[in-house]
């Protein structure tokens, strides 16, 4: 199993931080990419894009769209310059000793690894 290049992880992007918090911290080299290319959307907009998110929403989860994501091809147009959080997916969501189960990405090729 591997990436199926479906674009689900990019449309919308889920993050546990606001741009204000990112600006205040600035500890990651990729922060500038996020601040420049990501735009926060409402949870209602995110739920329209992916209805499954409604069931897993919780306070402190924020949704973004990236202007470098092509919704037609479902591909990143800045793949080589994408931020660390994008490069880390899905390893940043793994729980040691358990297979990966991405409830909000049921079609993801990484599920079950």
PDB file of N, CA and C in Angstrom:
ATOM      1  N   UNK A   1       0.835  -1.181   0.000  1.00  0.00           N
ATOM      2  CA  UNK A   1       0.000   0.000   0.000  1.00  0.00           C
ATOM      3  C   UNK A   1       0.877   1.240   0.000  1.00  0.00           C
ATOM      4  N   UNK A   2       0.415   2.247  -0.705  1.00  0.00           N
ATOM      5  CA  UNK A   2       1.163   3.494  -0.761  1.00  0.00           C
ATOM      6  C   UNK A   2       0.225   4.613  -1.205  1.00  0.00           C
ATOM      7  N   UNK A   3       0.793   5.763  -1.443  1.00  0.00           N
ATOM      8  CA  UNK A   3       0.003   6.917  -1.851  1.00  0.00           C
ATOM      9  C   UNK A   3      -0.682   6.628  -3.191  1.00  0.00           C
ATOM     10  N   UNK A   4      -1.981   6.873  -3.230  1.00  0.00           N
ATOM     11  CA  UNK A   4      -2.756   6.682  -4.458  1.00  0.00           C
ATOM     12  C   UNK A   4      -2.932   7.996  -5.215  1.00  0.00           C
ATOM     13  N   UNK A   5      -2.323   9.050  -4.685  1.00  0.00           N
ATOM     14  CA  UNK A   5      -2.394  10.389  -5.274  1.00  0.00           C
ATOM     15  C   UNK A   5      -3.843  10.833  -5.495  1.00  0.00           C
ATOM     16  N   UNK A   6      -4.659  10.585  -4.471  1.00  0.00           N
ATOM     17  CA  UNK A   6      -6.077  10.935  -4.546  1.00  0.00           C
ATOM     18  C   UNK A   6      -6.338  12.391  -4.177  1.00  0.00           C
ATOM     19  N   UNK A   7      -5.425  13.017  -3.430  1.00  0.00           N
ATOM     20  CA  UNK A   7      -5.591  14.403  -3.023  1.00  0.00           C
ATOM     21  C   UNK A   7      -6.498  14.604  -1.828  1.00  0.00           C
ATOM     22  N   UNK A   8      -7.006  13.527  -1.232  1.00  0.00           N
ATOM     23  CA  UNK A   8      -7.907  13.653  -0.091  1.00  0.00           C
ATOM     24  C   UNK A   8      -7.264  14.396   1.081  1.00  0.00           C
ATOM     25  N   UNK A   9      -5.979  14.163   1.304  1.00  0.00           N
ATOM     26  CA  UNK A   9      -5.296  14.795   2.436  1.00  0.00           C
ATOM     27  C   UNK A   9      -5.093  16.297   2.221  1.00  0.00           C
ATOM     28  N   UNK A  10      -5.325  16.761   0.996  1.00  0.00           N
ATOM     29  CA  UNK A  10      -5.114  18.165   0.654  1.00  0.00           C
ATOM     30  C   UNK A  10      -6.407  18.947   0.452  1.00  0.00           C
ATOM     31  N   UNK A  11      -7.547  18.295   0.541  1.00  0.00           N
ATOM     32  CA  UNK A  11      -8.785  18.959   0.149  1.00  0.00           C
ATOM     33  C   UNK A  11      -9.948  18.598   1.049  1.00  0.00           C
ATOM     34  N   UNK A  12     -10.110  19.252   2.188  1.00  0.00           N
ATOM     35  CA  UNK A  12      -9.291  20.323   2.748  1.00  0.00           C
ATOM     36  C   UNK A  12      -8.163  19.775   3.607  1.00  0.00           C
ATOM     37  N   UNK A  13      -7.277  20.680   3.998  1.00  0.00           N
ATOM     38  CA  UNK A  13      -6.170  20.350   4.895  1.00  0.00           C
ATOM     39  C   UNK A  13      -6.675  20.524   6.319  1.00  0.00           C
ATOM     40  N   UNK A  14      -6.363  19.571   7.173  1.00  0.00           N
ATOM     41  CA  UNK A  14      -6.746  19.644   8.580  1.00  0.00           C
ATOM     42  C   UNK A  14      -5.527  20.035   9.396  1.00  0.00           C
ATOM     43  N   UNK A  15      -5.693  20.953  10.321  1.00  0.00           N
ATOM     44  CA  UNK A  15      -4.582  21.426  11.135  1.00  0.00           C
ATOM     45  C   UNK A  15      -5.101  21.778  12.518  1.00  0.00           C
ATOM     46  N   UNK A  16      -4.288  21.586  13.522  1.00  0.00           N
ATOM     47  CA  UNK A  16      -4.655  21.941  14.894  1.00  0.00           C
ATOM     48  C   UNK A  16      -4.049  23.266  15.308  1.00  0.00           C
ATOM     49  N   UNK A  17      -3.966  24.170  14.353  1.00  0.00           N
ATOM     50  CA  UNK A  17      -3.365  25.463  14.640  1.00  0.00           C
ATOM     51  C   UNK A  17      -3.950  26.528  13.721  1.00  0.00           C
ATOM     52  N   UNK A  18      -3.977  27.739  14.234  1.00  0.00           N
ATOM     53  CA  UNK A  18      -4.402  28.874  13.420  1.00  0.00           C
ATOM     54  C   UNK A  18      -3.162  29.518  12.807  1.00  0.00           C
ATOM     55  N   UNK A  19      -3.391  30.326  11.790  1.00  0.00           N
ATOM     56  CA  UNK A  19      -2.263  31.057  11.197  1.00  0.00           C
ATOM     57  C   UNK A  19      -1.666  32.024  12.214  1.00  0.00           C
ATOM     58  N   UNK A  20      -2.487  32.562  13.080  1.00  0.00           N
ATOM     59  CA  UNK A  20      -1.991  33.468  14.132  1.00  0.00           C
ATOM     60  C   UNK A  20      -0.978  32.742  15.008  1.00  0.00           C
ATOM     61  N   UNK A  21      -1.287  31.504  15.394  1.00  0.00           N
ATOM     62  CA  UNK A  21      -0.363  30.722  16.217  1.00  0.00           C
ATOM     63  C   UNK A  21       0.907  30.386  15.448  1.00  0.00           C
ATOM     64  N   UNK A  22       0.776  30.089  14.159  1.00  0.00           N
ATOM     65  CA  UNK A  22       1.949  29.792  13.336  1.00  0.00           C
ATOM     66  C   UNK A  22       2.838  31.024  13.240  1.00  0.00           C
ATOM     67  N   UNK A  23       2.242  32.196  13.021  1.00  0.00           N
ATOM     68  CA  UNK A  23       3.027  33.443  12.949  1.00  0.00           C
ATOM     69  C   UNK A  23       3.766  33.705  14.256  1.00  0.00           C
ATOM     70  N   UNK A  24       3.117  33.411  15.380  1.00  0.00           N
ATOM     71  CA  UNK A  24       3.709  33.678  16.689  1.00  0.00           C
ATOM     72  C   UNK A  24       4.857  32.720  16.995  1.00  0.00           C
ATOM     73  N   UNK A  25       4.756  31.486  16.526  1.00  0.00           N
ATOM     74  CA  UNK A  25       5.768  30.476  16.843  1.00  0.00           C
ATOM     75  C   UNK A  25       6.943  30.525  15.868  1.00  0.00           C
ATOM     76  N   UNK A  26       6.665  30.376  14.588  1.00  0.00           N
ATOM     77  CA  UNK A  26       7.669  30.427  13.522  1.00  0.00           C
ATOM     78  C   UNK A  26       8.849  29.487  13.759  1.00  0.00           C
ATOM     79  N   UNK A  27       8.593  28.324  14.348  1.00  0.00           N
ATOM     80  CA  UNK A  27       9.681  27.382  14.614  1.00  0.00           C
ATOM     81  C   UNK A  27       9.957  26.433  13.454  1.00  0.00           C
ATOM     82  N   UNK A  28       9.056  26.369  12.493  1.00  0.00           N
ATOM     83  CA  UNK A  28       9.250  25.468  11.365  1.00  0.00           C
ATOM     84  C   UNK A  28       9.654  26.252  10.124  1.00  0.00           C
ATOM     85  N   UNK A  29      10.587  25.714   9.392  1.00  0.00           N
ATOM     86  CA  UNK A  29      11.044  26.382   8.172  1.00  0.00           C
ATOM     87  C   UNK A  29       9.933  26.496   7.139  1.00  0.00           C
ATOM     88  N   UNK A  30       8.963  25.584   7.184  1.00  0.00           N
ATOM     89  CA  UNK A  30       7.880  25.590   6.202  1.00  0.00           C
ATOM     90  C   UNK A  30       6.734  26.522   6.572  1.00  0.00           C
ATOM     91  N   UNK A  31       6.831  27.207   7.696  1.00  0.00           N
ATOM     92  CA  UNK A  31       5.764  28.117   8.102  1.00  0.00           C
ATOM     93  C   UNK A  31       5.455  29.150   7.030  1.00  0.00           C
ATOM     94  N   UNK A  32       6.469  29.640   6.347  1.00  0.00           N
ATOM     95  CA  UNK A  32       6.260  30.666   5.332  1.00  0.00           C
ATOM     96  C   UNK A  32       5.390  30.138   4.193  1.00  0.00           C
ATOM     97  N   UNK A  33       5.581  28.886   3.816  1.00  0.00           N
ATOM     98  CA  UNK A  33       4.751  28.276   2.774  1.00  0.00           C
ATOM     99  C   UNK A  33       3.288  28.275   3.223  1.00  0.00           C
ATOM    100  N   UNK A  34       3.046  27.820   4.438  1.00  0.00           N
ATOM    101  CA  UNK A  34       1.680  27.762   4.970  1.00  0.00           C
ATOM    102  C   UNK A  34       1.074  29.161   5.019  1.00  0.00           C
ATOM    103  N   UNK A  35       1.810  30.117   5.531  1.00  0.00           N
ATOM    104  CA  UNK A  35       1.295  31.483   5.644  1.00  0.00           C
ATOM    105  C   UNK A  35       1.022  32.101   4.275  1.00  0.00           C
ATOM    106  N   UNK A  36       1.801  31.727   3.281  1.00  0.00           N
ATOM    107  CA  UNK A  36       1.650  32.298   1.944  1.00  0.00           C
ATOM    108  C   UNK A  36       0.599  31.601   1.089  1.00  0.00           C
ATOM    109  N   UNK A  37       0.441  30.293   1.251  1.00  0.00           N
ATOM    110  CA  UNK A  37      -0.371  29.533   0.304  1.00  0.00           C
ATOM    111  C   UNK A  37      -1.639  28.911   0.874  1.00  0.00           C
ATOM    112  N   UNK A  38      -1.766  28.830   2.175  1.00  0.00           N
ATOM    113  CA  UNK A  38      -2.963  28.228   2.751  1.00  0.00           C
ATOM    114  C   UNK A  38      -3.949  29.314   3.146  1.00  0.00           C
ATOM    115  N   UNK A  39      -5.238  29.022   2.929  1.00  0.00           N
ATOM    116  CA  UNK A  39      -6.311  29.941   3.328  1.00  0.00           C
ATOM    117  C   UNK A  39      -7.291  29.147   4.182  1.00  0.00           C
ATOM    118  N   UNK A  40      -7.580  29.704   5.351  1.00  0.00           N
ATOM    119  CA  UNK A  40      -8.504  29.034   6.256  1.00  0.00           C
ATOM    120  C   UNK A  40      -9.918  29.110   5.694  1.00  0.00           C
ATOM    121  N   UNK A  41     -10.643  27.997   5.832  1.00  0.00           N
ATOM    122  CA  UNK A  41     -12.046  27.948   5.431  1.00  0.00           C
ATOM    123  C   UNK A  41     -12.879  27.563   6.651  1.00  0.00           C
ATOM    124  N   UNK A  42     -14.157  27.823   6.580  1.00  0.00           N
ATOM    125  CA  UNK A  42     -15.038  27.482   7.699  1.00  0.00           C
ATOM    126  C   UNK A  42     -15.245  25.972   7.763  1.00  0.00           C
ATOM    127  N   UNK A  43     -15.674  25.521   8.926  1.00  0.00           N
ATOM    128  CA  UNK A  43     -15.944  24.089   9.041  1.00  0.00           C
ATOM    129  C   UNK A  43     -17.082  23.689   8.109  1.00  0.00           C
ATOM    130  N   UNK A  44     -18.046  24.577   7.891  1.00  0.00           N
ATOM    131  CA  UNK A  44     -19.131  24.266   6.963  1.00  0.00           C
ATOM    132  C   UNK A  44     -18.615  24.071   5.540  1.00  0.00           C
ATOM    133  N   UNK A  45     -17.662  24.910   5.116  1.00  0.00           N
ATOM    134  CA  UNK A  45     -17.045  24.725   3.794  1.00  0.00           C
ATOM    135  C   UNK A  45     -16.302  23.393   3.725  1.00  0.00           C
ATOM    136  N   UNK A  46     -15.600  23.065   4.804  1.00  0.00           N
ATOM    137  CA  UNK A  46     -14.863  21.796   4.847  1.00  0.00           C
ATOM    138  C   UNK A  46     -15.820  20.614   4.784  1.00  0.00           C
ATOM    139  N   UNK A  47     -16.951  20.708   5.475  1.00  0.00           N
ATOM    140  CA  UNK A  47     -17.922  19.616   5.483  1.00  0.00           C
ATOM    141  C   UNK A  47     -18.556  19.430   4.107  1.00  0.00           C
ATOM    142  N   UNK A  48     -18.684  20.506   3.349  1.00  0.00           N
ATOM    143  CA  UNK A  48     -19.187  20.383   1.978  1.00  0.00           C
ATOM    144  C   UNK A  48     -18.168  19.639   1.121  1.00  0.00           C
ATOM    145  N   UNK A  49     -16.888  19.987   1.297  1.00  0.00           N
ATOM    146  CA  UNK A  49     -15.827  19.320   0.534  1.00  0.00           C
ATOM    147  C   UNK A  49     -15.732  17.841   0.907  1.00  0.00           C
ATOM    148  N   UNK A  50     -15.842  17.547   2.197  1.00  0.00           N
ATOM    149  CA  UNK A  50     -15.740  16.166   2.670  1.00  0.00           C
ATOM    150  C   UNK A  50     -16.712  15.961   3.825  1.00  0.00           C
ATOM    151  N   UNK A  51     -17.933  15.519   3.529  1.00  0.00           N
ATOM    152  CA  UNK A  51     -18.968  15.357   4.559  1.00  0.00           C
ATOM    153  C   UNK A  51     -18.554  14.479   5.733  1.00  0.00           C
ATOM    154  N   UNK A  52     -17.668  13.545   5.503  1.00  0.00           N
ATOM    155  CA  UNK A  52     -17.204  12.648   6.551  1.00  0.00           C
ATOM    156  C   UNK A  52     -16.559  13.408   7.720  1.00  0.00           C
ATOM    157  N   UNK A  53     -16.053  14.593   7.461  1.00  0.00           N
ATOM    158  CA  UNK A  53     -15.393  15.384   8.507  1.00  0.00           C
ATOM    159  C   UNK A  53     -16.357  15.813   9.616  1.00  0.00           C
ATOM    160  N   UNK A  54     -17.617  15.960   9.281  1.00  0.00           N
ATOM    161  CA  UNK A  54     -18.607  16.407  10.273  1.00  0.00           C
ATOM    162  C   UNK A  54     -18.595  15.496  11.503  1.00  0.00           C
ATOM    163  N   UNK A  55     -18.511  14.200  11.289  1.00  0.00           N
ATOM    164  CA  UNK A  55     -18.550  13.234  12.395  1.00  0.00           C
ATOM    165  C   UNK A  55     -17.288  13.249  13.243  1.00  0.00           C
ATOM    166  N   UNK A  56     -16.173  13.723  12.695  1.00  0.00           N
ATOM    167  CA  UNK A  56     -14.917  13.694  13.448  1.00  0.00           C
ATOM    168  C   UNK A  56     -14.439  15.085  13.865  1.00  0.00           C
ATOM    169  N   UNK A  57     -15.276  16.104  13.661  1.00  0.00           N
ATOM    170  CA  UNK A  57     -14.863  17.465  14.026  1.00  0.00           C
ATOM    171  C   UNK A  57     -14.811  17.610  15.549  1.00  0.00           C
ATOM    172  N   UNK A  58     -13.862  18.402  16.010  1.00  0.00           N
ATOM    173  CA  UNK A  58     -13.764  18.739  17.426  1.00  0.00           C
ATOM    174  C   UNK A  58     -13.195  20.145  17.542  1.00  0.00           C
ATOM    175  N   UNK A  59     -13.463  20.825  18.651  1.00  0.00           N
ATOM    176  CA  UNK A  59     -12.913  22.175  18.832  1.00  0.00           C
ATOM    177  C   UNK A  59     -11.392  22.149  18.759  1.00  0.00           C
ATOM    178  N   UNK A  60     -10.834  23.123  18.080  1.00  0.00           N
ATOM    179  CA  UNK A  60      -9.389  23.190  17.925  1.00  0.00           C
ATOM    180  C   UNK A  60      -8.898  22.590  16.622  1.00  0.00           C
ATOM    181  N   UNK A  61      -9.802  22.091  15.798  1.00  0.00           N
ATOM    182  CA  UNK A  61      -9.428  21.596  14.462  1.00  0.00           C
ATOM    183  C   UNK A  61      -9.797  22.691  13.472  1.00  0.00           C
ATOM    184  N   UNK A  62      -8.842  23.043  12.628  1.00  0.00           N
ATOM    185  CA  UNK A  62      -9.041  24.103  11.639  1.00  0.00           C
ATOM    186  C   UNK A  62      -8.847  23.522  10.248  1.00  0.00           C
ATOM    187  N   UNK A  63      -9.516  24.125   9.273  1.00  0.00           N
ATOM    188  CA  UNK A  63      -9.516  23.619   7.910  1.00  0.00           C
ATOM    189  C   UNK A  63      -8.968  24.689   6.971  1.00  0.00           C
ATOM    190  N   UNK A  64      -8.165  24.230   6.014  1.00  0.00           N
ATOM    191  CA  UNK A  64      -7.512  25.137   5.074  1.00  0.00           C
ATOM    192  C   UNK A  64      -7.600  24.578   3.651  1.00  0.00           C
ATOM    193  N   UNK A  65      -7.479  25.479   2.690  1.00  0.00           N
ATOM    194  CA  UNK A  65      -7.250  25.097   1.297  1.00  0.00           C
ATOM    195  C   UNK A  65      -5.910  25.708   0.903  1.00  0.00           C
ATOM    196  N   UNK A  66      -5.246  25.043  -0.017  1.00  0.00           N
ATOM    197  CA  UNK A  66      -3.931  25.488  -0.470  1.00  0.00           C
ATOM    198  C   UNK A  66      -4.028  25.918  -1.922  1.00  0.00           C
ATOM    199  N   UNK A  67      -3.488  27.089  -2.234  1.00  0.00           N
ATOM    200  CA  UNK A  67      -3.561  27.568  -3.619  1.00  0.00           C
ATOM    201  C   UNK A  67      -2.609  26.811  -4.545  1.00  0.00           C
ATOM    202  N   UNK A  68      -1.810  25.908  -3.991  1.00  0.00           N
ATOM    203  CA  UNK A  68      -0.906  25.092  -4.808  1.00  0.00           C
ATOM    204  C   UNK A  68      -1.503  23.710  -5.103  1.00  0.00           C
ATOM    205  N   UNK A  69      -2.702  23.446  -4.614  1.00  0.00           N
ATOM    206  CA  UNK A  69      -3.402  22.197  -4.891  1.00  0.00           C
ATOM    207  C   UNK A  69      -4.310  22.404  -6.100  1.00  0.00           C
ATOM    208  N   UNK A  70      -4.167  21.543  -7.094  1.00  0.00           N
ATOM    209  CA  UNK A  70      -4.996  21.621  -8.295  1.00  0.00           C
ATOM    210  C   UNK A  70      -6.188  20.681  -8.118  1.00  0.00           C
ATOM    211  N   UNK A  71      -7.395  21.222  -7.921  1.00  0.00           N
ATOM    212  CA  UNK A  71      -8.553  20.363  -7.683  1.00  0.00           C
ATOM    213  C   UNK A  71      -8.964  19.516  -8.890  1.00  0.00           C
ATOM    214  N   UNK A  72      -8.540  19.913 -10.075  1.00  0.00           N
ATOM    215  CA  UNK A  72      -8.874  19.141 -11.274  1.00  0.00           C
ATOM    216  C   UNK A  72      -8.024  17.879 -11.371  1.00  0.00           C
ATOM    217  N   UNK A  73      -6.720  18.025 -11.221  1.00  0.00           N
ATOM    218  CA  UNK A  73      -5.813  16.869 -11.299  1.00  0.00           C
ATOM    219  C   UNK A  73      -5.664  16.175  -9.950  1.00  0.00           C
ATOM    220  N   UNK A  74      -6.091  16.856  -8.861  1.00  0.00           N
ATOM    221  CA  UNK A  74      -5.964  16.362  -7.487  1.00  0.00           C
ATOM    222  C   UNK A  74      -4.492  16.201  -7.105  1.00  0.00           C
ATOM    223  N   UNK A  75      -3.637  17.053  -7.655  1.00  0.00           N
ATOM    224  CA  UNK A  75      -2.199  16.983  -7.407  1.00  0.00           C
ATOM    225  C   UNK A  75      -1.689  18.308  -6.858  1.00  0.00           C
ATOM    226  N   UNK A  76      -0.579  18.238  -6.156  1.00  0.00           N
ATOM    227  CA  UNK A  76       0.099  19.420  -5.637  1.00  0.00           C
ATOM    228  C   UNK A  76       1.004  19.982  -6.727  1.00  0.00           C
ATOM    229  N   UNK A  77       0.860  21.267  -7.002  1.00  0.00           N
ATOM    230  CA  UNK A  77       1.701  21.890  -8.023  1.00  0.00           C
ATOM    231  C   UNK A  77       3.035  22.358  -7.451  1.00  0.00           C
ATOM    232  N   UNK A  78       3.218  22.184  -6.154  1.00  0.00           N
ATOM    233  CA  UNK A  78       4.480  22.565  -5.501  1.00  0.00           C
ATOM    234  C   UNK A  78       5.010  21.383  -4.687  1.00  0.00           C
ATOM    235  N   UNK A  79       4.854  20.194  -5.218  1.00  0.00           N
ATOM    236  CA  UNK A  79       5.191  18.976  -4.476  1.00  0.00           C
ATOM    237  C   UNK A  79       6.601  19.006  -3.888  1.00  0.00           C
ATOM    238  N   UNK A  80       7.579  19.466  -4.642  1.00  0.00           N
ATOM    239  CA  UNK A  80       8.958  19.500  -4.135  1.00  0.00           C
ATOM    240  C   UNK A  80       9.173  20.560  -3.061  1.00  0.00           C
ATOM    241  N   UNK A  81       8.309  21.560  -2.997  1.00  0.00           N
ATOM    242  CA  UNK A  81       8.453  22.645  -2.018  1.00  0.00           C
ATOM    243  C   UNK A  81       7.405  22.577  -0.918  1.00  0.00           C
ATOM    244  N   UNK A  82       6.626  21.492  -0.856  1.00  0.00           N
ATOM    245  CA  UNK A  82       5.539  21.404   0.119  1.00  0.00           C
ATOM    246  C   UNK A  82       6.077  21.441   1.552  1.00  0.00           C
ATOM    247  N   UNK A  83       5.277  21.905   2.493  1.00  0.00           N
ATOM    248  CA  UNK A  83       5.750  22.048   3.875  1.00  0.00           C
ATOM    249  C   UNK A  83       5.942  20.706   4.573  1.00  0.00           C
ATOM    250  N   UNK A  84       6.629  20.765   5.690  1.00  0.00           N
ATOM    251  CA  UNK A  84       6.969  19.557   6.452  1.00  0.00           C
ATOM    252  C   UNK A  84       5.729  18.769   6.850  1.00  0.00           C
ATOM    253  N   UNK A  85       4.650  19.435   7.197  1.00  0.00           N
ATOM    254  CA  UNK A  85       3.446  18.720   7.607  1.00  0.00           C
ATOM    255  C   UNK A  85       2.893  17.878   6.463  1.00  0.00           C
ATOM    256  N   UNK A  86       3.030  18.366   5.242  1.00  0.00           N
ATOM    257  CA  UNK A  86       2.590  17.600   4.068  1.00  0.00           C
ATOM    258  C   UNK A  86       3.551  16.440   3.792  1.00  0.00           C
ATOM    259  N   UNK A  87       4.831  16.687   3.943  1.00  0.00           N
ATOM    260  CA  UNK A  87       5.828  15.635   3.720  1.00  0.00           C
ATOM    261  C   UNK A  87       5.685  14.506   4.744  1.00  0.00           C
ATOM    262  N   UNK A  88       5.277  14.838   5.948  1.00  0.00           N
ATOM    263  CA  UNK A  88       5.186  13.867   7.038  1.00  0.00           C
ATOM    264  C   UNK A  88       3.937  12.985   6.953  1.00  0.00           C
ATOM    265  N   UNK A  89       2.939  13.401   6.190  1.00  0.00           N
ATOM    266  CA  UNK A  89       1.702  12.635   6.103  1.00  0.00           C
ATOM    267  C   UNK A  89       1.956  11.286   5.452  1.00  0.00           C
ATOM    268  N   UNK A  90       1.461  10.203   5.979  1.00  0.00           N
ATOM    269  CA  UNK A  90       0.631  10.036   7.165  1.00  0.00           C
ATOM    270  C   UNK A  90       1.420   9.646   8.411  1.00  0.00           C
ATOM    271  N   UNK A  91       2.753   9.620   8.303  1.00  0.00           N
ATOM    272  CA  UNK A  91       3.561   9.173   9.438  1.00  0.00           C
ATOM    273  C   UNK A  91       3.338  10.011  10.686  1.00  0.00           C
ATOM    274  N   UNK A  92       2.958  11.268  10.517  1.00  0.00           N
ATOM    275  CA  UNK A  92       2.706  12.122  11.678  1.00  0.00           C
ATOM    276  C   UNK A  92       1.415  11.727  12.400  1.00  0.00           C
ATOM    277  N   UNK A  93       0.637  10.832  11.840  1.00  0.00           N
ATOM    278  CA  UNK A  93      -0.621  10.393  12.450  1.00  0.00           C
ATOM    279  C   UNK A  93      -0.534   8.973  13.016  1.00  0.00           C
ATOM    280  N   UNK A  94       0.608   8.346  12.902  1.00  0.00           N
ATOM    281  CA  UNK A  94       0.756   6.956  13.357  1.00  0.00           C
ATOM    282  C   UNK A  94       0.772   6.855  14.880  1.00  0.00           C
ATOM    283  N   UNK A  95       0.191   5.745  15.369  1.00  0.00           N
ATOM    284  CA  UNK A  95       0.245   5.395  16.782  1.00  0.00           C
ATOM    285  C   UNK A  95       1.122   4.140  16.859  1.00  0.00           C
ATOM    286  N   UNK A  96       2.228   4.203  17.612  1.00  0.00           N
ATOM    287  CA  UNK A  96       3.132   3.053  17.674  1.00  0.00           C
ATOM    288  C   UNK A  96       2.401   1.760  18.050  1.00  0.00           C
ATOM    289  N   UNK A  97       2.711   0.711  17.302  1.00  0.00           N
ATOM    290  CA  UNK A  97       2.148  -0.598  17.598  1.00  0.00           C
ATOM    291  C   UNK A  97       0.767  -0.848  17.026  1.00  0.00           C
ATOM    292  N   UNK A  98       0.203   0.133  16.326  1.00  0.00           N
ATOM    293  CA  UNK A  98      -1.136  -0.056  15.757  1.00  0.00           C
ATOM    294  C   UNK A  98      -1.108   0.229  14.262  1.00  0.00           C
ATOM    295  N   UNK A  99      -1.908  -0.519  13.491  1.00  0.00           N
ATOM    296  CA  UNK A  99      -1.984  -0.208  12.054  1.00  0.00           C
ATOM    297  C   UNK A  99      -2.638   1.154  11.867  1.00  0.00           C
ATOM    298  N   UNK A 100      -2.261   1.814  10.816  1.00  0.00           N
ATOM    299  CA  UNK A 100      -2.790   3.143  10.520  1.00  0.00           C
ATOM    300  C   UNK A 100      -4.251   3.036  10.092  1.00  0.00           C
ATOM    301  N   UNK A 101      -5.097   3.814  10.728  1.00  0.00           N
ATOM    302  CA  UNK A 101      -6.521   3.850  10.370  1.00  0.00           C
ATOM    303  C   UNK A 101      -6.926   5.307  10.235  1.00  0.00           C
ATOM    304  N   UNK A 102      -7.020   5.781   9.023  1.00  0.00           N
ATOM    305  CA  UNK A 102      -7.341   7.178   8.752  1.00  0.00           C
ATOM    306  C   UNK A 102      -8.844   7.291   8.474  1.00  0.00           C
ATOM    307  N   UNK A 103      -9.614   7.509   9.526  1.00  0.00           N
ATOM    308  CA  UNK A 103     -11.079   7.547   9.400  1.00  0.00           C
ATOM    309  C   UNK A 103     -11.563   8.622   8.443  1.00  0.00           C
ATOM    310  N   UNK A 104     -10.892   9.763   8.420  1.00  0.00           N
ATOM    311  CA  UNK A 104     -11.345  10.845   7.542  1.00  0.00           C
ATOM    312  C   UNK A 104     -10.810  10.708   6.122  1.00  0.00           C
ATOM    313  N   UNK A 105      -9.987   9.682   5.880  1.00  0.00           N
ATOM    314  CA  UNK A 105      -9.445   9.412   4.547  1.00  0.00           C
ATOM    315  C   UNK A 105      -9.663   7.932   4.212  1.00  0.00           C
ATOM    316  N   UNK A 106     -10.895   7.476   4.097  1.00  0.00           N
ATOM    317  CA  UNK A 106     -11.134   6.039   3.927  1.00  0.00           C
ATOM    318  C   UNK A 106     -10.532   5.436   2.661  1.00  0.00           C
ATOM    319  N   UNK A 107     -10.313   6.216   1.621  1.00  0.00           N
ATOM    320  CA  UNK A 107      -9.754   5.697   0.381  1.00  0.00           C
ATOM    321  C   UNK A 107      -8.229   5.761   0.347  1.00  0.00           C
ATOM    322  N   UNK A 108      -7.603   6.294   1.389  1.00  0.00           N
ATOM    323  CA  UNK A 108      -6.150   6.477   1.408  1.00  0.00           C
ATOM    324  C   UNK A 108      -5.421   5.131   1.333  1.00  0.00           C
ATOM    325  N   UNK A 109      -4.442   5.065   0.467  1.00  0.00           N
ATOM    326  CA  UNK A 109      -3.653   3.857   0.285  1.00  0.00           C
ATOM    327  C   UNK A 109      -2.793   3.490   1.475  1.00  0.00           C
ATOM    328  N   UNK A 110      -2.625   4.394   2.418  1.00  0.00           N
ATOM    329  CA  UNK A 110      -1.806   4.107   3.592  1.00  0.00           C
ATOM    330  C   UNK A 110      -2.598   3.414   4.691  1.00  0.00           C
ATOM    331  N   UNK A 111      -3.903   3.346   4.613  1.00  0.00           N
ATOM    332  CA  UNK A 111      -4.718   2.700   5.632  1.00  0.00           C
ATOM    333  C   UNK A 111      -4.293   1.241   5.807  1.00  0.00           C
ATOM    334  N   UNK A 112      -4.186   0.833   7.057  1.00  0.00           N
ATOM    335  CA  UNK A 112      -3.858  -0.533   7.380  1.00  0.00           C
ATOM    336  C   UNK A 112      -2.388  -0.864   7.459  1.00  0.00           C
ATOM    337  N   UNK A 113      -1.526   0.067   7.080  1.00  0.00           N
ATOM    338  CA  UNK A 113      -0.078  -0.202   7.155  1.00  0.00           C
ATOM    339  C   UNK A 113       0.417  -0.087   8.568  1.00  0.00           C
TER     340      UNK A 113
END
